[in-house]
């Protein structure tokens, strides 16, 4: 009898982490599309699993030095630069894996690659046995992950909520918690160490959600408003993408839904899993809310894997007092409610939740207090790229406040933000491509003072001077808030680079003042 012939392509539905450990990828040709964070993680994971990996990216080799170094000598073939035909990189591949930003339906994907991917998808749909499957990094992770997962998504607040949920789950030492995803940490490389005892919190963005073929154990939503219209084309298309996680959630898991957000609250009607609603008011049965300054649970049921039955709380359903939270703003109370719901679902004890929540001070680039320099507080909210997030940030701090905003327009209606700026800010300093548009909107809404700045460093100095002028009329501290209401790509690599530049500018200002300088 002749030996069985190995299939030409890999069926991703047949892949498990056990099969990968047993050599299912060993010697098989696999293509990775995209050589940023997710692509690097994919290439490392697949190479370590024994695959013959080829990485494609339209950028030239000299633009990808850091990515190449991150491979740490692994045997990976590089197909880099504008002269490479993308389709040629998967002509012999058994599987094609992608960074989540690469999608044949996204206008932001490189045109040549987008067309080649459409041809591949069509061939696969037509049953061509030589056409390899297309799997994104987050989808591959969820296919292989042996641990229960918590998917966190929303227009704003998802990074804070995911980070806090991981911190609360980590308060149970018997179940190690792992955090990753859109937060900037691809976790496909963590797969070999994960077990069913782990708890994985996975922040998922509108880039990642359309690429998923399966959901998470728990799906937690913060809110769904308007964002990334430049990529999705319409508000309805964006909302359809966000709904994906609720549609795919494990029926034996749970949906954690913001009852204060009408779009998110409506996901309960999908009937895909039991619902845990939360709101910044008295809780509804089975959910969480706020009563007399306390976060309170009203009969939240633990997941079956956590023993089932009602989650343990203090008398009256109390979990923790709001006054113990270090996070500023009413919107963060909502984020805490979502994270507490996740912890209760997994059976974390209320005293452990309380301690971990009180110790949580937030995440970098999201309402991050950088320094207080002579009665002026500098706050880095570089992740505030969407109007609702900026409005929440403005409401999180008392007057006087000076806003730094501007960058690359995301195709979102910014008009509703203008009255909030006029009400909450003493002045605004505008930067980047959208600066003139924002300046006109803010003036029209009644903001008396705006200035343009040629750089973020200059904006920090100008905002500092304006904040000190405001302090002449009232007690401090004043706040200088970087919350751009725009993407960063006109001036920076990403929002994190913008946030780091803000922090550096503040540090230089503080050093100058300490040395006796004027600015």
Protein backbone atom coordinates (compact mmCIF):
# COMPACT_ATOMS: atom_id res chain seq x y z
CA UNK A 1 0.00 0.00 0.00
CA UNK A 2 1.42 3.42 -0.93
CA UNK A 3 1.83 6.14 1.69
CA UNK A 4 -0.96 8.68 1.91
CA UNK A 5 -0.27 11.86 -0.08
CA UNK A 6 -0.19 15.02 2.00
CA UNK A 7 -2.97 17.45 0.98
CA UNK A 8 -1.82 20.36 -1.18
CA UNK A 9 -3.24 22.93 1.23
CA UNK A 10 -3.83 23.10 4.98
CA UNK A 11 -7.42 23.06 6.21
CA UNK A 12 -7.46 25.64 9.02
CA UNK A 13 -10.60 24.03 10.47
CA UNK A 14 -8.54 20.89 11.16
CA UNK A 15 -5.73 22.78 12.92
CA UNK A 16 -5.42 22.57 16.70
CA UNK A 17 -2.58 23.55 18.97
CA UNK A 18 -2.03 19.87 19.66
CA UNK A 19 -1.69 19.19 15.95
CA UNK A 20 0.77 22.08 15.61
CA UNK A 21 2.87 20.60 18.43
CA UNK A 22 2.74 17.24 16.65
CA UNK A 23 4.18 18.79 13.47
CA UNK A 24 1.14 19.74 11.38
CA UNK A 25 3.01 22.78 10.05
CA UNK A 26 6.45 21.22 9.86
CA UNK A 27 7.94 21.68 6.41
CA UNK A 28 4.74 23.21 5.00
CA UNK A 29 5.04 26.45 2.99
CA UNK A 30 3.11 29.29 4.65
CA UNK A 31 2.91 32.90 3.49
CA UNK A 32 2.60 35.84 5.87
CA UNK A 33 1.17 39.06 4.42
CA UNK A 34 2.29 42.23 6.17
CA UNK A 35 5.44 42.80 8.20
CA UNK A 36 4.30 45.00 11.07
CA UNK A 37 3.58 43.79 14.62
CA UNK A 38 1.12 41.03 13.69
CA UNK A 39 3.15 39.89 10.72
CA UNK A 40 6.32 39.66 12.80
CA UNK A 41 4.50 37.63 15.46
CA UNK A 42 3.01 35.31 12.82
CA UNK A 43 6.36 34.75 11.13
CA UNK A 44 8.04 33.92 14.43
CA UNK A 45 5.28 31.58 15.58
CA UNK A 46 5.03 29.74 12.25
CA UNK A 47 8.80 29.42 11.88
CA UNK A 48 9.05 28.05 15.42
CA UNK A 49 6.36 25.51 14.48
CA UNK A 50 8.59 24.28 11.63
CA UNK A 51 6.80 25.94 8.69
CA UNK A 52 8.67 27.24 5.66
CA UNK A 53 7.70 30.88 6.00
CA UNK A 54 7.66 33.59 3.34
CA UNK A 55 6.84 37.17 4.39
CA UNK A 56 5.45 39.66 1.87
CA UNK A 57 5.35 43.42 2.37
CA UNK A 58 5.16 46.16 -0.27
CA UNK A 59 7.70 48.26 1.58
CA UNK A 60 11.39 48.07 0.73
CA UNK A 61 13.88 46.14 2.81
CA UNK A 62 15.60 49.29 4.06
CA UNK A 63 12.26 50.45 5.53
CA UNK A 64 11.85 47.21 7.47
CA UNK A 65 15.16 46.88 9.28
CA UNK A 66 13.51 46.68 12.71
CA UNK A 67 11.05 44.02 11.55
CA UNK A 68 13.84 41.92 10.07
CA UNK A 69 15.85 42.19 13.27
CA UNK A 70 12.78 41.07 15.26
CA UNK A 71 12.93 37.69 13.47
CA UNK A 72 16.08 37.03 15.51
CA UNK A 73 17.76 34.95 12.86
CA UNK A 74 14.85 32.63 12.08
CA UNK A 75 14.92 31.05 8.63
CA UNK A 76 12.26 33.18 6.93
CA UNK A 77 12.18 34.08 3.22
CA UNK A 78 11.57 37.80 2.63
CA UNK A 79 9.60 39.02 -0.38
CA UNK A 80 9.79 42.76 0.12
CA UNK A 81 9.29 45.84 -2.03
CA UNK A 82 7.02 47.24 -4.74
CA UNK A 83 8.50 45.03 -7.46
CA UNK A 84 7.28 41.80 -5.85
CA UNK A 85 4.11 40.24 -7.25
CA UNK A 86 2.01 39.46 -4.14
CA UNK A 87 0.31 36.45 -5.75
CA UNK A 88 3.68 34.86 -6.49
CA UNK A 89 4.38 34.61 -2.76
CA UNK A 90 1.54 32.15 -2.24
CA UNK A 91 1.71 30.24 -5.56
CA UNK A 92 3.03 27.17 -3.75
CA UNK A 93 1.74 27.97 -0.24
CA UNK A 94 -0.32 25.55 1.84
CA UNK A 95 -1.72 28.43 3.91
CA UNK A 96 -1.80 32.24 3.73
CA UNK A 97 -1.86 34.24 6.95
CA UNK A 98 -2.39 37.98 7.22
CA UNK A 99 -2.05 40.97 9.47
CA UNK A 100 -5.60 42.14 10.29
CA UNK A 101 -5.11 45.42 8.43
CA UNK A 102 -4.79 43.47 5.16
CA UNK A 103 -8.22 42.76 3.75
CA UNK A 104 -9.45 42.55 0.14
CA UNK A 105 -12.47 44.63 1.13
CA UNK A 106 -10.50 47.54 2.64
CA UNK A 107 -9.54 50.52 0.44
CA UNK A 108 -6.61 51.05 2.83
CA UNK A 109 -5.01 47.77 1.69
CA UNK A 110 -2.34 48.13 -1.01
CA UNK A 111 -4.25 48.05 -4.37
CA UNK A 112 -2.15 45.31 -6.02
CA UNK A 113 -2.42 43.12 -2.95
CA UNK A 114 -6.14 43.79 -2.65
CA UNK A 115 -6.79 42.63 -6.22
CA UNK A 116 -4.60 39.55 -5.81
CA UNK A 117 -6.42 38.62 -2.61
CA UNK A 118 -9.81 38.99 -4.31
CA UNK A 119 -8.65 36.52 -6.95
CA UNK A 120 -7.47 34.11 -4.25
CA UNK A 121 -10.73 34.37 -2.30
CA UNK A 122 -12.75 33.77 -5.48
CA UNK A 123 -10.66 30.71 -6.36
CA UNK A 124 -11.09 29.32 -2.88
CA UNK A 125 -14.86 29.90 -3.03
CA UNK A 126 -15.01 28.12 -6.40
CA UNK A 127 -13.44 25.03 -4.84
CA UNK A 128 -9.99 25.26 -6.41
CA UNK A 129 -8.00 22.63 -4.45
CA UNK A 130 -4.73 24.49 -5.09
CA UNK A 131 -5.99 27.76 -3.57
CA UNK A 132 -4.69 28.09 0.01
CA UNK A 133 -6.97 29.27 2.81
CA UNK A 134 -6.63 32.86 4.01
CA UNK A 135 -6.46 33.25 7.82
CA UNK A 136 -5.79 36.40 9.82
CA UNK A 137 -3.54 36.49 12.89
CA UNK A 138 -6.45 36.97 15.34
CA UNK A 139 -8.50 34.24 13.66
CA UNK A 140 -5.58 31.82 13.77
CA UNK A 141 -5.13 32.60 17.46
CA UNK A 142 -8.77 31.93 18.29
CA UNK A 143 -8.73 28.70 16.27
CA UNK A 144 -5.75 27.37 18.23
CA UNK A 145 -6.21 28.89 21.70
CA UNK A 146 -6.93 26.23 24.37
CA UNK A 147 -7.88 28.82 27.02
CA UNK A 148 -11.19 30.64 27.49
CA UNK A 149 -11.13 34.06 25.86
CA UNK A 150 -12.68 37.44 26.56
CA UNK A 151 -13.10 39.61 23.47
CA UNK A 152 -13.38 43.32 24.24
CA UNK A 153 -14.47 45.77 21.58
CA UNK A 154 -16.17 49.13 21.16
CA UNK A 155 -15.60 52.51 19.59
CA UNK A 156 -13.96 53.96 22.70
CA UNK A 157 -12.91 52.59 26.07
CA UNK A 158 -11.88 49.14 24.87
CA UNK A 159 -8.20 49.48 25.79
CA UNK A 160 -8.98 50.63 29.33
CA UNK A 161 -11.68 47.97 29.72
CA UNK A 162 -9.51 45.16 28.35
CA UNK A 163 -6.54 46.18 30.51
CA UNK A 164 -8.66 46.39 33.65
CA UNK A 165 -10.45 43.11 32.89
CA UNK A 166 -7.07 41.39 32.62
CA UNK A 167 -5.95 42.97 35.90
CA UNK A 168 -9.11 41.78 37.66
CA UNK A 169 -8.82 38.25 36.26
CA UNK A 170 -5.17 38.17 37.34
CA UNK A 171 -6.37 38.72 40.92
CA UNK A 172 -7.23 34.98 40.88
CA UNK A 173 -3.75 33.37 41.04
CA UNK A 174 -5.08 29.96 40.04
CA UNK A 175 -5.89 31.26 36.54
CA UNK A 176 -3.06 33.27 34.92
CA UNK A 177 -4.35 36.14 32.77
CA UNK A 178 -2.91 37.14 29.39
CA UNK A 179 -3.69 40.45 27.64
CA UNK A 180 -3.16 41.21 23.95
CA UNK A 181 -4.63 42.06 20.58
CA UNK A 182 -5.34 45.56 19.33
CA UNK A 183 -3.71 46.93 22.46
CA UNK A 184 -0.44 46.52 20.56
CA UNK A 185 0.58 43.02 21.66
CA UNK A 186 -0.14 40.25 19.12
CA UNK A 187 -0.47 37.11 21.23
CA UNK A 188 -0.27 34.37 18.62
CA UNK A 189 3.27 33.73 19.89
CA UNK A 190 1.91 33.00 23.38
CA UNK A 191 -0.05 29.98 22.13
CA UNK A 192 2.56 27.34 23.06
CA UNK A 193 2.39 28.32 26.75
CA UNK A 194 -1.39 28.63 27.09
CA UNK A 195 -3.50 26.00 28.87
CA UNK A 196 -7.21 25.69 29.71
CA UNK A 197 -6.40 27.25 33.10
CA UNK A 198 -5.36 30.54 31.52
CA UNK A 199 -7.72 33.46 30.87
CA UNK A 200 -7.04 35.47 27.71
CA UNK A 201 -8.34 39.02 27.30
CA UNK A 202 -8.27 39.98 23.63
CA UNK A 203 -8.89 43.58 22.56
CA UNK A 204 -10.45 43.47 19.09
CA UNK A 205 -10.79 46.42 16.72
CA UNK A 206 -12.85 47.02 13.61
CA UNK A 207 -9.81 45.86 11.63
CA UNK A 208 -9.71 42.46 13.28
CA UNK A 209 -13.41 41.65 13.67
CA UNK A 210 -14.28 41.10 9.97
CA UNK A 211 -11.48 38.53 9.69
CA UNK A 212 -12.87 36.24 12.40
CA UNK A 213 -14.51 32.91 11.68
CA UNK A 214 -15.20 32.15 15.35
CA UNK A 215 -15.86 34.12 18.48
CA UNK A 216 -14.63 34.39 22.04
CA UNK A 217 -15.99 32.76 25.19
CA UNK A 218 -17.17 36.15 26.46
CA UNK A 219 -17.80 39.20 24.28
CA UNK A 220 -17.69 42.53 26.12
CA UNK A 221 -18.80 45.77 24.48
CA UNK A 222 -18.13 49.32 25.64
CA UNK A 223 -20.10 51.32 23.05
CA UNK A 224 -20.58 51.66 19.30
CA UNK A 225 -20.76 55.18 17.92
CA UNK A 226 -18.99 56.45 14.77
CA UNK A 227 -15.41 55.87 13.66
CA UNK A 228 -13.23 54.69 10.75
CA UNK A 229 -15.72 55.75 8.09
CA UNK A 230 -12.70 56.26 5.83
CA UNK A 231 -12.20 52.48 5.84
CA UNK A 232 -15.76 51.16 6.01
CA UNK A 233 -17.55 53.71 3.85
CA UNK A 234 -20.65 54.23 6.01
CA UNK A 235 -21.83 54.22 9.59
CA UNK A 236 -23.98 51.15 8.94
CA UNK A 237 -21.00 49.23 7.53
CA UNK A 238 -18.93 50.14 10.58
CA UNK A 239 -21.70 49.03 12.93
CA UNK A 240 -22.09 45.79 10.99
CA UNK A 241 -18.40 45.03 11.54
CA UNK A 242 -18.66 45.77 15.26
CA UNK A 243 -21.67 43.44 15.62
CA UNK A 244 -19.53 40.53 14.43
CA UNK A 245 -18.18 39.65 17.88
CA UNK A 246 -21.70 39.39 19.33
CA UNK A 247 -22.76 37.18 16.42
CA UNK A 248 -19.86 34.77 16.95
CA UNK A 249 -19.75 34.57 20.76
CA UNK A 250 -19.72 31.10 22.35
CA UNK A 251 -23.34 30.15 23.21
CA UNK A 252 -22.06 28.72 26.51
CA UNK A 253 -20.31 32.01 27.28
CA UNK A 254 -21.79 35.47 27.77
CA UNK A 255 -22.42 38.86 26.20
CA UNK A 256 -21.45 41.80 28.42
CA UNK A 257 -23.42 44.76 27.03
CA UNK A 258 -23.57 48.47 27.83
CA UNK A 259 -27.26 49.11 28.45
CA UNK A 260 -26.62 52.87 28.27
CA UNK A 261 -25.65 52.54 24.59
CA UNK A 262 -28.68 51.82 22.37
CA UNK A 263 -26.67 50.16 19.59
CA UNK A 264 -24.87 47.81 21.98
CA UNK A 265 -27.98 47.12 24.07
CA UNK A 266 -29.76 45.89 20.94
CA UNK A 267 -27.25 43.03 20.58
CA UNK A 268 -29.17 41.26 23.35
CA UNK A 269 -31.83 40.55 20.73
CA UNK A 270 -29.38 38.39 18.77
CA UNK A 271 -29.89 35.64 21.35
CA UNK A 272 -26.40 34.27 20.77
CA UNK A 273 -25.46 33.91 24.46
CA UNK A 274 -26.68 34.88 27.95
CA UNK A 275 -26.50 38.65 28.48
CA UNK A 276 -24.97 40.57 31.37
CA UNK A 277 -26.14 44.18 30.97
CA UNK A 278 -24.43 47.06 32.78
CA UNK A 279 -25.26 50.73 33.17
CA UNK A 280 -24.27 53.75 35.27
CA UNK A 281 -27.56 53.57 37.18
CA UNK A 282 -29.46 50.97 39.17
CA UNK A 283 -28.76 47.52 37.74
CA UNK A 284 -31.31 45.46 35.89
CA UNK A 285 -31.74 41.77 36.84
CA UNK A 286 -28.69 39.73 35.93
CA UNK A 287 -26.55 42.82 35.42
CA UNK A 288 -24.45 45.49 37.08
CA UNK A 289 -25.02 49.11 37.95
CA UNK A 290 -24.35 51.85 40.47
CA UNK A 291 -26.30 52.32 43.70
CA UNK A 292 -25.39 54.87 46.39
CA UNK A 293 -21.88 55.26 45.04
CA UNK A 294 -21.18 51.52 44.82
CA UNK A 295 -20.82 49.16 41.88
CA UNK A 296 -23.53 46.59 42.51
CA UNK A 297 -24.35 43.25 40.89
CA UNK A 298 -27.93 42.06 40.64
CA UNK A 299 -27.74 38.29 40.33
CA UNK A 300 -24.91 37.96 37.80
CA UNK A 301 -24.45 34.26 37.00
CA UNK A 302 -21.00 32.71 36.79
CA UNK A 303 -19.99 30.88 33.63
CA UNK A 304 -20.45 27.08 33.75
CA UNK A 305 -16.64 26.67 33.62
CA UNK A 306 -16.45 28.81 36.78
CA UNK A 307 -18.98 26.62 38.61
CA UNK A 308 -22.21 28.35 37.56
CA UNK A 309 -24.68 29.87 40.00
CA UNK A 310 -24.82 33.41 41.30
CA UNK A 311 -21.53 35.30 41.46
CA UNK A 312 -20.32 36.05 44.98
CA UNK A 313 -20.66 39.66 46.14
CA UNK A 314 -20.77 41.60 49.38
CA UNK A 315 -24.19 42.13 51.04
CA UNK A 316 -26.66 43.91 48.79
CA UNK A 317 -24.70 42.90 45.71
CA UNK A 318 -21.96 45.40 46.48
CA UNK A 319 -18.56 44.93 44.82
CA UNK A 320 -16.61 48.16 45.27
CA UNK A 321 -17.16 51.88 45.96
CA UNK A 322 -16.72 54.33 43.06
CA UNK A 323 -14.64 56.66 45.23
CA UNK A 324 -11.83 54.10 45.37
CA UNK A 325 -11.27 54.20 41.60
CA UNK A 326 -8.19 56.04 40.36
CA UNK A 327 -9.59 56.46 36.83
CA UNK A 328 -11.07 59.91 36.10
CA UNK A 329 -14.44 60.55 34.45
CA UNK A 330 -17.95 59.10 34.39
CA UNK A 331 -17.17 57.21 31.19
CA UNK A 332 -14.54 55.23 33.09
CA UNK A 333 -17.17 54.11 35.61
CA UNK A 334 -18.88 52.46 32.64
CA UNK A 335 -15.60 50.81 31.60
CA UNK A 336 -15.07 49.53 35.16
CA UNK A 337 -18.57 48.05 35.19
CA UNK A 338 -17.79 46.04 32.06
CA UNK A 339 -14.51 44.76 33.49
CA UNK A 340 -16.11 43.84 36.82
CA UNK A 341 -18.81 41.93 34.93
CA UNK A 342 -16.10 39.86 33.23
CA UNK A 343 -14.40 39.12 36.56
CA UNK A 344 -17.67 38.04 38.19
CA UNK A 345 -18.47 35.74 35.25
CA UNK A 346 -15.18 33.93 35.89
CA UNK A 347 -15.78 33.69 39.62
CA UNK A 348 -13.20 36.18 40.90
CA UNK A 349 -13.89 37.01 44.57
CA UNK A 350 -15.31 40.50 45.26
CA UNK A 351 -12.54 41.48 47.69
CA UNK A 352 -9.93 40.59 45.06
CA UNK A 353 -11.85 42.60 42.44
CA UNK A 354 -11.99 45.58 44.80
CA UNK A 355 -8.26 45.57 45.51
CA UNK A 356 -7.28 45.16 41.86
CA UNK A 357 -9.68 47.85 40.64
CA UNK A 358 -8.47 50.36 43.23
CA UNK A 359 -4.86 49.72 42.20
CA UNK A 360 -5.53 50.20 38.48
CA UNK A 361 -4.37 53.65 37.33
CA UNK A 362 -5.13 53.39 33.62
CA UNK A 363 -3.23 52.77 30.39
CA UNK A 364 -0.65 54.72 28.46
CA UNK A 365 -2.00 57.30 26.00
CA UNK A 366 -5.51 57.23 27.51
CA UNK A 367 -6.14 60.02 30.03
CA UNK A 368 -2.59 59.49 31.25
CA UNK A 369 -1.37 62.20 33.60
CA UNK A 370 2.19 62.80 32.43
CA UNK A 371 3.29 65.50 34.88
CA UNK A 372 2.15 68.46 36.93
CA UNK A 373 4.44 71.41 36.26
CA UNK A 374 3.87 74.48 38.45
CA UNK A 375 0.11 73.95 38.80
CA UNK A 376 -0.40 72.81 35.19
CA UNK A 377 -1.37 69.15 34.74
CA UNK A 378 -0.43 67.61 31.36
CA UNK A 379 -2.64 64.73 30.21
CA UNK A 380 -1.79 62.40 27.32
CA UNK A 381 -4.97 61.20 25.62
CA UNK A 382 -3.38 60.45 22.26
CA UNK A 383 -5.80 57.55 21.77
CA UNK A 384 -8.64 60.08 21.74
CA UNK A 385 -9.08 60.01 17.97
CA UNK A 386 -12.88 59.97 17.92
CA UNK A 387 -15.27 62.80 18.98
CA UNK A 388 -17.06 60.91 21.75
CA UNK A 389 -13.74 59.97 23.34
CA UNK A 390 -12.54 63.58 23.24
CA UNK A 391 -15.82 64.81 24.74
CA UNK A 392 -15.49 62.30 27.59
CA UNK A 393 -11.91 63.41 28.20
CA UNK A 394 -12.95 67.08 28.31
CA UNK A 395 -15.61 66.25 30.91
CA UNK A 396 -13.15 64.29 33.06
CA UNK A 397 -11.24 67.36 34.28
CA UNK A 398 -12.31 70.62 35.93
CA UNK A 399 -11.67 74.06 34.46
CA UNK A 400 -9.44 75.68 33.42
CA UNK A 401 -8.47 73.39 30.54
CA UNK A 402 -6.58 73.91 27.28
CA UNK A 403 -7.11 71.37 24.50
CA UNK A 404 -4.47 70.29 21.96
CA UNK A 405 -6.18 68.69 18.95
CA UNK A 406 -5.71 67.97 15.27
CA UNK A 407 -4.16 65.45 12.91
CA UNK A 408 -5.42 63.46 9.94
CA UNK A 409 -9.19 63.55 9.39
CA UNK A 410 -10.88 60.15 9.78
CA UNK A 411 -13.99 61.10 7.81
CA UNK A 412 -16.13 61.50 10.96
CA UNK A 413 -18.57 64.33 11.62
CA UNK A 414 -16.76 66.52 14.17
CA UNK A 415 -19.50 69.14 14.50
CA UNK A 416 -21.06 67.60 17.67
CA UNK A 417 -17.70 67.88 19.44
CA UNK A 418 -17.42 71.65 18.95
CA UNK A 419 -20.04 72.75 21.55
CA UNK A 420 -18.40 70.51 24.16
CA UNK A 421 -15.03 72.12 23.46
CA UNK A 422 -16.58 75.59 23.69
CA UNK A 423 -18.22 74.71 27.00
CA UNK A 424 -15.32 72.89 28.68
CA UNK A 425 -12.11 74.47 27.30
CA UNK A 426 -10.65 77.91 27.91
CA UNK A 427 -8.67 77.64 24.68
CA UNK A 428 -7.50 75.20 22.02
CA UNK A 429 -4.20 74.78 20.22
CA UNK A 430 -4.59 73.08 16.83
CA UNK A 431 -2.04 70.98 14.94
CA UNK A 432 -1.87 68.88 11.79
CA UNK A 433 -3.97 68.61 8.66
CA UNK A 434 -7.34 68.94 10.40
CA UNK A 435 -6.25 71.96 12.44
CA UNK A 436 -7.95 74.58 10.21
CA UNK A 437 -11.23 72.62 10.14
CA UNK A 438 -11.26 72.18 13.91
CA UNK A 439 -10.39 75.84 14.45
CA UNK A 440 -13.35 76.95 12.33
CA UNK A 441 -15.73 74.52 14.07
CA UNK A 442 -14.61 75.59 17.55
CA UNK A 443 -14.89 79.30 16.73
CA UNK A 444 -18.37 78.80 15.30
CA UNK A 445 -19.41 76.99 18.50
CA UNK A 446 -18.27 79.95 20.60
CA UNK A 447 -14.72 79.12 21.74
CA UNK A 448 -13.10 82.53 22.13
CA UNK A 449 -9.43 81.62 21.81
CA UNK A 450 -7.66 79.24 19.44
CA UNK A 451 -4.11 79.07 18.16
CA UNK A 452 -2.32 77.11 15.47
CA UNK A 453 0.98 75.36 16.18
CA UNK A 454 3.55 74.13 13.67
CA UNK A 455 4.49 71.07 15.75
CA UNK A 456 3.37 69.15 18.80
CA UNK A 457 6.35 70.51 20.72
CA UNK A 458 5.28 74.06 19.93
CA UNK A 459 1.70 73.20 20.86
CA UNK A 460 2.79 72.07 24.31
CA UNK A 461 4.61 75.35 24.92
CA UNK A 462 1.68 77.44 23.64
CA UNK A 463 -0.88 75.46 25.65
CA UNK A 464 1.24 75.81 28.77
CA UNK A 465 1.29 79.59 28.37
CA UNK A 466 -2.49 79.69 27.84
CA UNK A 467 -3.09 77.48 30.89
CA UNK A 468 -1.02 79.83 33.06
CA UNK A 469 -3.00 82.81 31.79
CA UNK A 470 -6.20 81.01 32.83
CA UNK A 471 -4.77 80.38 36.30
CA UNK A 472 -4.56 84.12 36.88
CA UNK A 473 -8.35 84.17 37.28
CA UNK A 474 -8.96 80.99 39.31
CA UNK A 475 -7.22 78.41 41.50
CA UNK A 476 -5.35 75.51 39.97
CA UNK A 477 -4.46 73.14 38.77
CA UNK A 478 -5.09 73.87 35.11
CA UNK A 479 -5.05 71.03 32.61
CA UNK A 480 -3.38 70.79 29.20
CA UNK A 481 -5.11 67.90 27.42
CA UNK A 482 -3.81 66.24 24.28
CA UNK A 483 -6.94 64.61 22.84
CA UNK A 484 -6.59 65.01 19.07
CA UNK A 485 -9.98 63.99 17.57
CA UNK A 486 -7.93 62.79 14.60
CA UNK A 487 -5.57 60.09 13.43
CA UNK A 488 -1.83 60.62 13.79
CA UNK A 489 -0.53 59.63 10.37
CA UNK A 490 0.05 63.14 9.02
CA UNK A 491 2.75 63.74 11.65
CA UNK A 492 3.53 60.43 13.40
CA UNK A 493 3.78 56.69 12.80
CA UNK A 494 0.82 56.01 15.09
CA UNK A 495 -1.03 57.36 18.13
CA UNK A 496 1.59 55.84 20.46
CA UNK A 497 4.40 57.76 18.74
CA UNK A 498 2.31 60.93 19.07
CA UNK A 499 1.76 60.24 22.77
CA UNK A 500 5.46 59.63 23.33
CA UNK A 501 6.31 62.88 21.55
CA UNK A 502 3.87 64.74 23.81
CA UNK A 503 5.46 63.22 26.90
CA UNK A 504 8.92 64.15 25.67
CA UNK A 505 7.82 67.73 25.00
CA UNK A 506 6.34 67.97 28.51
CA UNK A 507 9.56 66.57 30.01
CA UNK A 508 11.61 69.18 28.15
CA UNK A 509 9.26 71.93 29.32
CA UNK A 510 9.52 70.73 32.93
CA UNK A 511 13.32 70.60 32.70
CA UNK A 512 13.42 74.11 31.28
CA UNK A 513 11.26 75.44 34.09
CA UNK A 514 13.34 73.65 36.71
CA UNK A 515 16.44 75.32 35.24
CA UNK A 516 14.77 78.71 35.44
CA UNK A 517 13.75 79.07 31.80
CA UNK A 518 10.66 80.96 30.67
CA UNK A 519 9.19 78.04 28.82
